[in-house]
Amino acid sequence: MAMPRKLKIVPSKICCGLVTFLLHWFVRCASMPPVANQETAVQNKILAALSGFATLFRNNVGAYKADSGQWVRYGVCNPGGSDVLGWRSVVIRPNMVGQRVAIFVAIEVKAPGSHTDPKRLAAQEHFIQVVADAGGLAGFARSTEDAMDIIAC
């Protein structure tokens, strides 16, 4: 059996090769879109921008087929539940001075220029209207500015 050849390790060549690899990797990563889904990108910006003004959570809504073959829906108020749910705490005036109450918040996030299936859109509009009619803060947002307008009291 032949003995393996000893490799001569040259530190400067290894460092140069590693640096070159890392530079190529960083350039490739920087040119990749940070989030594949535009709606998710808008949603993440909204959650970050409103974090100091309201307590908000992402509401994953969807369905999957269970092993039994039955479809199982998940998420709050499916179909129609908004992408972002939570509350905004406000001080009530005259008869409840100083007390805080939570106002329900529902934000349906849409990517700029996106289109939604009419049946799903109708369910989302209905949910937004029910929340607003009950005194909550609700609406559609395509940007952080839209979301801020929704939660402004």
N, C-alpha and C. Protein backbone atom coordinates (compact mmCIF):
# COMPACT_ATOMS: atom_id res chain seq x y z
N MET A 1 0.84 -1.17 0.00
CA MET A 1 0.00 0.00 0.00
C MET A 1 0.89 1.24 0.00
N ALA A 2 0.60 2.13 -0.90
CA ALA A 2 1.41 3.35 -1.02
C ALA A 2 1.02 4.33 0.07
N MET A 3 2.02 4.98 0.56
CA MET A 3 1.78 6.00 1.59
C MET A 3 1.25 7.27 0.92
N PRO A 4 0.27 7.93 1.55
CA PRO A 4 -0.24 9.17 0.98
C PRO A 4 0.86 10.23 0.97
N ARG A 5 0.85 11.04 -0.05
CA ARG A 5 1.83 12.12 -0.15
C ARG A 5 1.54 13.17 0.91
N LYS A 6 2.56 13.71 1.44
CA LYS A 6 2.39 14.80 2.40
C LYS A 6 2.14 16.07 1.62
N LEU A 7 1.13 16.79 2.03
CA LEU A 7 0.83 18.06 1.39
C LEU A 7 1.63 19.16 2.06
N LYS A 8 2.16 20.02 1.25
CA LYS A 8 2.86 21.17 1.79
C LYS A 8 1.84 22.28 1.98
N ILE A 9 1.62 22.68 3.20
CA ILE A 9 0.63 23.70 3.52
C ILE A 9 1.32 25.06 3.53
N VAL A 10 0.79 25.94 2.72
CA VAL A 10 1.33 27.30 2.65
C VAL A 10 0.26 28.22 3.22
N PRO A 11 0.47 28.72 4.46
CA PRO A 11 -0.55 29.54 5.12
C PRO A 11 -1.04 30.72 4.30
N SER A 12 -0.16 31.41 3.62
CA SER A 12 -0.61 32.59 2.88
C SER A 12 -1.56 32.20 1.75
N LYS A 13 -1.32 31.04 1.11
CA LYS A 13 -2.21 30.61 0.03
C LYS A 13 -3.57 30.18 0.61
N ILE A 14 -3.58 29.56 1.77
CA ILE A 14 -4.83 29.15 2.41
C ILE A 14 -5.64 30.38 2.77
N CYS A 15 -4.98 31.36 3.40
CA CYS A 15 -5.69 32.59 3.78
C CYS A 15 -6.24 33.30 2.56
N CYS A 16 -5.44 33.38 1.51
CA CYS A 16 -5.88 34.06 0.29
C CYS A 16 -7.09 33.32 -0.30
N GLY A 17 -7.02 31.98 -0.33
CA GLY A 17 -8.12 31.18 -0.86
C GLY A 17 -9.38 31.34 -0.02
N LEU A 18 -9.21 31.35 1.29
CA LEU A 18 -10.36 31.50 2.20
C LEU A 18 -10.98 32.88 2.04
N VAL A 19 -10.15 33.90 1.96
CA VAL A 19 -10.66 35.27 1.79
C VAL A 19 -11.40 35.39 0.47
N THR A 20 -10.85 34.82 -0.58
CA THR A 20 -11.51 34.86 -1.89
C THR A 20 -12.86 34.15 -1.83
N PHE A 21 -12.87 32.97 -1.20
CA PHE A 21 -14.14 32.24 -1.06
C PHE A 21 -15.17 33.06 -0.29
N LEU A 22 -14.76 33.63 0.83
CA LEU A 22 -15.69 34.42 1.65
C LEU A 22 -16.20 35.64 0.91
N LEU A 23 -15.33 36.32 0.18
CA LEU A 23 -15.77 37.48 -0.60
C LEU A 23 -16.80 37.08 -1.64
N HIS A 24 -16.55 35.98 -2.36
CA HIS A 24 -17.51 35.52 -3.36
C HIS A 24 -18.84 35.14 -2.69
N TRP A 25 -18.76 34.50 -1.52
CA TRP A 25 -19.97 34.08 -0.81
C TRP A 25 -20.78 35.29 -0.36
N PHE A 26 -20.10 36.31 0.21
CA PHE A 26 -20.80 37.50 0.66
C PHE A 26 -21.43 38.26 -0.51
N VAL A 27 -20.71 38.38 -1.61
CA VAL A 27 -21.26 39.07 -2.78
C VAL A 27 -22.47 38.32 -3.30
N ARG A 28 -22.40 36.99 -3.35
CA ARG A 28 -23.54 36.20 -3.82
C ARG A 28 -24.73 36.37 -2.88
N CYS A 29 -24.50 36.32 -1.57
CA CYS A 29 -25.59 36.48 -0.60
C CYS A 29 -26.19 37.88 -0.66
N ALA A 30 -25.35 38.88 -0.86
CA ALA A 30 -25.84 40.26 -0.92
C ALA A 30 -26.71 40.49 -2.13
N SER A 31 -26.46 39.75 -3.21
CA SER A 31 -27.25 39.95 -4.42
C SER A 31 -28.54 39.15 -4.41
N MET A 32 -28.68 38.23 -3.44
CA MET A 32 -29.90 37.43 -3.34
C MET A 32 -30.98 38.23 -2.63
N PRO A 33 -32.25 38.07 -3.04
CA PRO A 33 -33.31 38.77 -2.31
C PRO A 33 -33.38 38.26 -0.89
N PRO A 34 -33.52 39.16 0.11
CA PRO A 34 -33.52 38.72 1.50
C PRO A 34 -34.73 37.87 1.86
N VAL A 35 -35.84 38.10 1.22
CA VAL A 35 -37.05 37.32 1.48
C VAL A 35 -37.67 37.01 0.13
N ALA A 36 -37.99 35.73 -0.08
CA ALA A 36 -38.50 35.31 -1.38
C ALA A 36 -39.88 35.90 -1.67
N ASN A 37 -40.71 36.04 -0.65
CA ASN A 37 -42.08 36.49 -0.83
C ASN A 37 -42.18 37.98 -0.49
N GLN A 38 -42.64 38.79 -1.44
CA GLN A 38 -42.74 40.24 -1.20
C GLN A 38 -43.69 40.55 -0.05
N GLU A 39 -44.78 39.81 0.06
CA GLU A 39 -45.74 40.06 1.14
C GLU A 39 -45.08 39.81 2.49
N THR A 40 -44.27 38.77 2.59
CA THR A 40 -43.56 38.49 3.84
C THR A 40 -42.59 39.61 4.18
N ALA A 41 -41.93 40.16 3.17
CA ALA A 41 -41.01 41.28 3.40
C ALA A 41 -41.76 42.49 3.95
N VAL A 42 -42.91 42.81 3.36
CA VAL A 42 -43.71 43.94 3.85
C VAL A 42 -44.19 43.65 5.27
N GLN A 43 -44.64 42.43 5.49
CA GLN A 43 -45.13 42.05 6.82
C GLN A 43 -44.03 42.19 7.88
N ASN A 44 -42.83 41.74 7.57
CA ASN A 44 -41.73 41.85 8.53
C ASN A 44 -41.40 43.31 8.83
N LYS A 45 -41.45 44.17 7.82
CA LYS A 45 -41.21 45.60 8.04
C LYS A 45 -42.29 46.21 8.92
N ILE A 46 -43.54 45.82 8.68
CA ILE A 46 -44.65 46.32 9.50
C ILE A 46 -44.50 45.88 10.94
N LEU A 47 -44.21 44.61 11.17
CA LEU A 47 -44.05 44.11 12.54
C LEU A 47 -42.92 44.85 13.26
N ALA A 48 -41.84 45.11 12.56
CA ALA A 48 -40.71 45.83 13.18
C ALA A 48 -41.07 47.29 13.45
N ALA A 49 -41.70 47.95 12.47
CA ALA A 49 -42.01 49.38 12.61
C ALA A 49 -43.05 49.65 13.70
N LEU A 50 -43.99 48.75 13.90
CA LEU A 50 -45.07 48.97 14.85
C LEU A 50 -44.80 48.37 16.22
N SER A 51 -43.63 47.76 16.40
CA SER A 51 -43.35 47.05 17.65
C SER A 51 -43.39 47.96 18.87
N GLY A 52 -43.11 49.24 18.74
CA GLY A 52 -43.16 50.14 19.88
C GLY A 52 -44.53 50.73 20.13
N PHE A 53 -45.48 50.48 19.23
CA PHE A 53 -46.80 51.09 19.32
C PHE A 53 -47.92 50.09 19.63
N ALA A 54 -47.71 48.82 19.32
CA ALA A 54 -48.75 47.81 19.50
C ALA A 54 -48.09 46.46 19.73
N THR A 55 -48.82 45.54 20.34
CA THR A 55 -48.36 44.16 20.51
C THR A 55 -48.98 43.36 19.38
N LEU A 56 -48.15 42.93 18.45
CA LEU A 56 -48.65 42.29 17.24
C LEU A 56 -47.99 40.94 17.01
N PHE A 57 -48.73 40.05 16.37
CA PHE A 57 -48.25 38.70 16.09
C PHE A 57 -48.59 38.34 14.65
N ARG A 58 -47.75 37.51 14.07
CA ARG A 58 -48.03 37.00 12.74
C ARG A 58 -49.08 35.90 12.88
N ASN A 59 -50.09 35.94 12.03
CA ASN A 59 -51.15 34.93 12.03
C ASN A 59 -51.03 34.11 10.75
N ASN A 60 -50.44 32.92 10.88
CA ASN A 60 -50.35 32.03 9.72
C ASN A 60 -51.70 31.37 9.51
N VAL A 61 -52.27 31.58 8.35
CA VAL A 61 -53.57 31.02 8.01
C VAL A 61 -53.40 30.13 6.80
N GLY A 62 -53.98 28.96 6.85
CA GLY A 62 -53.88 28.07 5.71
C GLY A 62 -54.60 26.76 5.98
N ALA A 63 -54.25 25.76 5.19
CA ALA A 63 -54.86 24.45 5.34
C ALA A 63 -53.87 23.40 4.87
N TYR A 64 -53.99 22.20 5.41
CA TYR A 64 -53.18 21.08 4.95
C TYR A 64 -54.03 19.81 4.99
N LYS A 65 -53.60 18.84 4.21
CA LYS A 65 -54.32 17.57 4.16
C LYS A 65 -53.68 16.62 5.15
N ALA A 66 -54.45 16.18 6.14
CA ALA A 66 -53.96 15.27 7.18
C ALA A 66 -53.80 13.87 6.61
N ASP A 67 -53.11 13.02 7.36
CA ASP A 67 -52.91 11.63 6.92
C ASP A 67 -54.24 10.93 6.68
N SER A 68 -55.28 11.35 7.39
CA SER A 68 -56.60 10.75 7.24
C SER A 68 -57.27 11.17 5.93
N GLY A 69 -56.69 12.15 5.24
CA GLY A 69 -57.27 12.66 4.01
C GLY A 69 -58.16 13.87 4.22
N GLN A 70 -58.41 14.22 5.46
CA GLN A 70 -59.26 15.36 5.77
C GLN A 70 -58.44 16.64 5.76
N TRP A 71 -59.03 17.74 5.24
CA TRP A 71 -58.37 19.03 5.22
C TRP A 71 -58.50 19.67 6.59
N VAL A 72 -57.42 20.19 7.12
CA VAL A 72 -57.39 20.85 8.41
C VAL A 72 -56.99 22.31 8.20
N ARG A 73 -57.83 23.23 8.66
CA ARG A 73 -57.53 24.66 8.56
C ARG A 73 -56.86 25.10 9.86
N TYR A 74 -55.92 26.04 9.73
CA TYR A 74 -55.25 26.57 10.91
C TYR A 74 -55.16 28.09 10.79
N GLY A 75 -54.94 28.74 11.94
CA GLY A 75 -54.86 30.19 11.99
C GLY A 75 -56.13 30.76 12.59
N VAL A 76 -56.03 31.98 13.10
CA VAL A 76 -57.17 32.64 13.71
C VAL A 76 -58.12 33.11 12.61
N CYS A 77 -59.38 32.72 12.75
CA CYS A 77 -60.46 33.12 11.84
C CYS A 77 -60.15 32.73 10.40
N ASN A 78 -60.04 31.44 10.16
CA ASN A 78 -59.75 30.93 8.83
C ASN A 78 -61.04 30.38 8.23
N PRO A 79 -61.49 30.87 7.08
CA PRO A 79 -60.81 31.78 6.16
C PRO A 79 -61.05 33.24 6.52
N GLY A 80 -60.16 34.08 6.05
CA GLY A 80 -60.34 35.52 6.17
C GLY A 80 -59.51 36.20 7.23
N GLY A 81 -58.93 35.46 8.17
CA GLY A 81 -58.15 36.08 9.24
C GLY A 81 -56.99 36.88 8.70
N SER A 82 -56.73 38.01 9.31
CA SER A 82 -55.66 38.91 8.85
C SER A 82 -54.28 38.33 9.15
N ASP A 83 -53.29 38.83 8.41
CA ASP A 83 -51.91 38.36 8.55
C ASP A 83 -51.29 38.77 9.88
N VAL A 84 -51.67 39.94 10.38
CA VAL A 84 -51.11 40.47 11.62
C VAL A 84 -52.26 40.75 12.58
N LEU A 85 -52.17 40.17 13.78
CA LEU A 85 -53.19 40.37 14.80
C LEU A 85 -52.53 40.81 16.09
N GLY A 86 -53.28 41.48 16.94
CA GLY A 86 -52.76 41.90 18.23
C GLY A 86 -53.63 42.97 18.85
N TRP A 87 -53.01 43.83 19.63
CA TRP A 87 -53.76 44.90 20.26
C TRP A 87 -52.88 46.12 20.47
N ARG A 88 -53.56 47.21 20.64
CA ARG A 88 -52.90 48.46 20.98
C ARG A 88 -53.50 48.95 22.28
N SER A 89 -52.67 49.24 23.24
CA SER A 89 -53.12 49.69 24.54
C SER A 89 -53.30 51.20 24.51
N VAL A 90 -54.47 51.66 24.97
CA VAL A 90 -54.75 53.09 24.99
C VAL A 90 -55.35 53.46 26.34
N VAL A 91 -55.23 54.72 26.69
CA VAL A 91 -55.82 55.22 27.93
C VAL A 91 -57.24 55.69 27.61
N ILE A 92 -58.21 55.18 28.36
CA ILE A 92 -59.61 55.57 28.18
C ILE A 92 -59.82 56.90 28.90
N ARG A 93 -60.66 57.71 28.34
CA ARG A 93 -60.88 59.06 28.88
C ARG A 93 -62.03 59.11 29.87
N PRO A 94 -62.79 60.17 29.95
CA PRO A 94 -63.63 60.60 31.06
C PRO A 94 -63.91 59.63 32.22
N ASN A 95 -64.75 58.64 32.05
CA ASN A 95 -65.17 57.85 33.22
C ASN A 95 -64.18 56.76 33.61
N MET A 96 -63.17 56.51 32.83
CA MET A 96 -62.19 55.47 33.17
C MET A 96 -60.77 56.04 33.14
N VAL A 97 -60.60 57.25 33.58
CA VAL A 97 -59.32 57.95 33.50
C VAL A 97 -58.21 57.10 34.12
N GLY A 98 -57.13 56.98 33.37
CA GLY A 98 -55.95 56.28 33.86
C GLY A 98 -55.94 54.78 33.61
N GLN A 99 -57.06 54.20 33.28
CA GLN A 99 -57.07 52.76 33.02
C GLN A 99 -56.65 52.50 31.57
N ARG A 100 -56.04 51.36 31.35
CA ARG A 100 -55.63 51.00 30.01
C ARG A 100 -56.51 49.86 29.52
N VAL A 101 -56.84 49.91 28.26
CA VAL A 101 -57.58 48.82 27.63
C VAL A 101 -56.85 48.44 26.34
N ALA A 102 -57.06 47.22 25.94
CA ALA A 102 -56.44 46.75 24.70
C ALA A 102 -57.46 46.85 23.57
N ILE A 103 -57.05 47.47 22.49
CA ILE A 103 -57.90 47.55 21.29
C ILE A 103 -57.37 46.53 20.30
N PHE A 104 -58.24 45.66 19.86
CA PHE A 104 -57.85 44.60 18.94
C PHE A 104 -57.36 45.20 17.62
N VAL A 105 -56.28 44.63 17.08
CA VAL A 105 -55.69 45.10 15.82
C VAL A 105 -55.65 43.94 14.84
N ALA A 106 -56.10 44.20 13.61
CA ALA A 106 -56.03 43.20 12.53
C ALA A 106 -55.52 43.91 11.28
N ILE A 107 -54.36 43.48 10.79
CA ILE A 107 -53.76 44.08 9.60
C ILE A 107 -53.59 42.99 8.55
N GLU A 108 -54.24 43.17 7.42
CA GLU A 108 -54.09 42.25 6.29
C GLU A 108 -53.00 42.83 5.39
N VAL A 109 -51.89 42.11 5.28
CA VAL A 109 -50.73 42.60 4.52
C VAL A 109 -50.82 42.14 3.07
N LYS A 110 -50.59 43.07 2.18
CA LYS A 110 -50.58 42.79 0.74
C LYS A 110 -49.28 43.32 0.15
N ALA A 111 -48.66 42.55 -0.71
CA ALA A 111 -47.47 43.02 -1.42
C ALA A 111 -47.91 44.07 -2.43
N PRO A 112 -47.09 45.10 -2.63
CA PRO A 112 -47.45 46.12 -3.63
C PRO A 112 -47.70 45.48 -5.00
N GLY A 113 -48.84 45.81 -5.59
CA GLY A 113 -49.18 45.29 -6.91
C GLY A 113 -49.69 43.86 -6.94
N SER A 114 -49.89 43.25 -5.79
CA SER A 114 -50.34 41.85 -5.76
C SER A 114 -51.85 41.76 -5.95
N HIS A 115 -52.30 40.59 -6.33
CA HIS A 115 -53.72 40.33 -6.52
C HIS A 115 -54.10 39.11 -5.68
N THR A 116 -55.29 39.15 -5.10
CA THR A 116 -55.77 38.06 -4.26
C THR A 116 -57.00 37.45 -4.90
N ASP A 117 -57.13 36.13 -4.74
CA ASP A 117 -58.31 35.42 -5.23
C ASP A 117 -59.56 36.12 -4.70
N PRO A 118 -60.55 36.41 -5.55
CA PRO A 118 -61.73 37.16 -5.12
C PRO A 118 -62.46 36.56 -3.91
N LYS A 119 -62.55 35.25 -3.85
CA LYS A 119 -63.24 34.61 -2.72
C LYS A 119 -62.47 34.84 -1.41
N ARG A 120 -61.15 34.69 -1.47
CA ARG A 120 -60.32 34.92 -0.29
C ARG A 120 -60.36 36.40 0.10
N LEU A 121 -60.30 37.30 -0.89
CA LEU A 121 -60.34 38.74 -0.64
C LEU A 121 -61.65 39.13 0.04
N ALA A 122 -62.76 38.54 -0.40
CA ALA A 122 -64.06 38.83 0.21
C ALA A 122 -64.08 38.41 1.68
N ALA A 123 -63.50 37.26 1.98
CA ALA A 123 -63.43 36.79 3.37
C ALA A 123 -62.55 37.72 4.21
N GLN A 124 -61.44 38.18 3.63
CA GLN A 124 -60.55 39.09 4.34
C GLN A 124 -61.23 40.44 4.59
N GLU A 125 -61.92 40.95 3.58
CA GLU A 125 -62.65 42.22 3.74
C GLU A 125 -63.72 42.09 4.81
N HIS A 126 -64.42 40.95 4.84
CA HIS A 126 -65.46 40.72 5.85
C HIS A 126 -64.85 40.73 7.25
N PHE A 127 -63.73 40.04 7.44
CA PHE A 127 -63.08 39.99 8.74
C PHE A 127 -62.66 41.39 9.18
N ILE A 128 -62.04 42.15 8.28
CA ILE A 128 -61.62 43.53 8.58
C ILE A 128 -62.83 44.37 9.00
N GLN A 129 -63.95 44.22 8.29
CA GLN A 129 -65.15 44.99 8.60
C GLN A 129 -65.73 44.61 9.96
N VAL A 130 -65.74 43.31 10.28
CA VAL A 130 -66.26 42.85 11.57
C VAL A 130 -65.42 43.42 12.71
N VAL A 131 -64.09 43.39 12.55
CA VAL A 131 -63.20 43.95 13.59
C VAL A 131 -63.44 45.44 13.75
N ALA A 132 -63.51 46.17 12.63
CA ALA A 132 -63.73 47.62 12.68
C ALA A 132 -65.09 47.95 13.29
N ASP A 133 -66.14 47.21 12.91
CA ASP A 133 -67.48 47.45 13.45
C ASP A 133 -67.54 47.21 14.96
N ALA A 134 -66.68 46.32 15.46
CA ALA A 134 -66.65 46.02 16.88
C ALA A 134 -65.75 46.98 17.66
N GLY A 135 -65.16 47.96 16.97
CA GLY A 135 -64.34 48.95 17.65
C GLY A 135 -62.84 48.68 17.56
N GLY A 136 -62.45 47.65 16.82
CA GLY A 136 -61.03 47.35 16.66
C GLY A 136 -60.40 48.23 15.59
N LEU A 137 -59.10 48.12 15.47
CA LEU A 137 -58.35 48.84 14.45
C LEU A 137 -58.00 47.82 13.37
N ALA A 138 -58.49 48.01 12.16
CA ALA A 138 -58.31 46.99 11.12
C ALA A 138 -58.21 47.62 9.75
N GLY A 139 -57.46 46.97 8.87
CA GLY A 139 -57.35 47.44 7.50
C GLY A 139 -56.32 46.67 6.71
N PHE A 140 -56.16 47.07 5.45
CA PHE A 140 -55.19 46.48 4.54
C PHE A 140 -53.95 47.36 4.50
N ALA A 141 -52.76 46.74 4.48
CA ALA A 141 -51.51 47.50 4.44
C ALA A 141 -50.58 46.95 3.37
N ARG A 142 -50.05 47.85 2.57
CA ARG A 142 -49.04 47.50 1.58
C ARG A 142 -47.68 48.08 1.96
N SER A 143 -47.64 48.78 3.11
CA SER A 143 -46.39 49.40 3.57
C SER A 143 -46.49 49.66 5.07
N THR A 144 -45.35 50.03 5.66
CA THR A 144 -45.38 50.37 7.09
C THR A 144 -46.20 51.63 7.32
N GLU A 145 -46.22 52.54 6.36
CA GLU A 145 -47.02 53.76 6.50
C GLU A 145 -48.52 53.42 6.57
N ASP A 146 -48.97 52.50 5.72
CA ASP A 146 -50.36 52.06 5.76
C ASP A 146 -50.69 51.46 7.13
N ALA A 147 -49.78 50.64 7.64
CA ALA A 147 -50.00 49.99 8.93
C ALA A 147 -50.06 51.02 10.06
N MET A 148 -49.19 52.01 10.01
CA MET A 148 -49.21 53.07 11.04
C MET A 148 -50.53 53.83 10.99
N ASP A 149 -51.05 54.07 9.79
CA ASP A 149 -52.34 54.75 9.65
C ASP A 149 -53.46 53.91 10.28
N ILE A 150 -53.37 52.60 10.18
CA ILE A 150 -54.40 51.72 10.74
C ILE A 150 -54.43 51.81 12.25
N ILE A 151 -53.25 51.80 12.89
CA ILE A 151 -53.25 51.77 14.37
C ILE A 151 -53.28 53.16 15.00
N ALA A 152 -53.23 54.21 14.21
CA ALA A 152 -53.28 55.57 14.77
C ALA A 152 -54.64 55.82 15.39
N CYS A 153 -54.64 56.34 16.60
CA CYS A 153 -55.91 56.65 17.28
C CYS A 153 -56.14 58.12 17.31
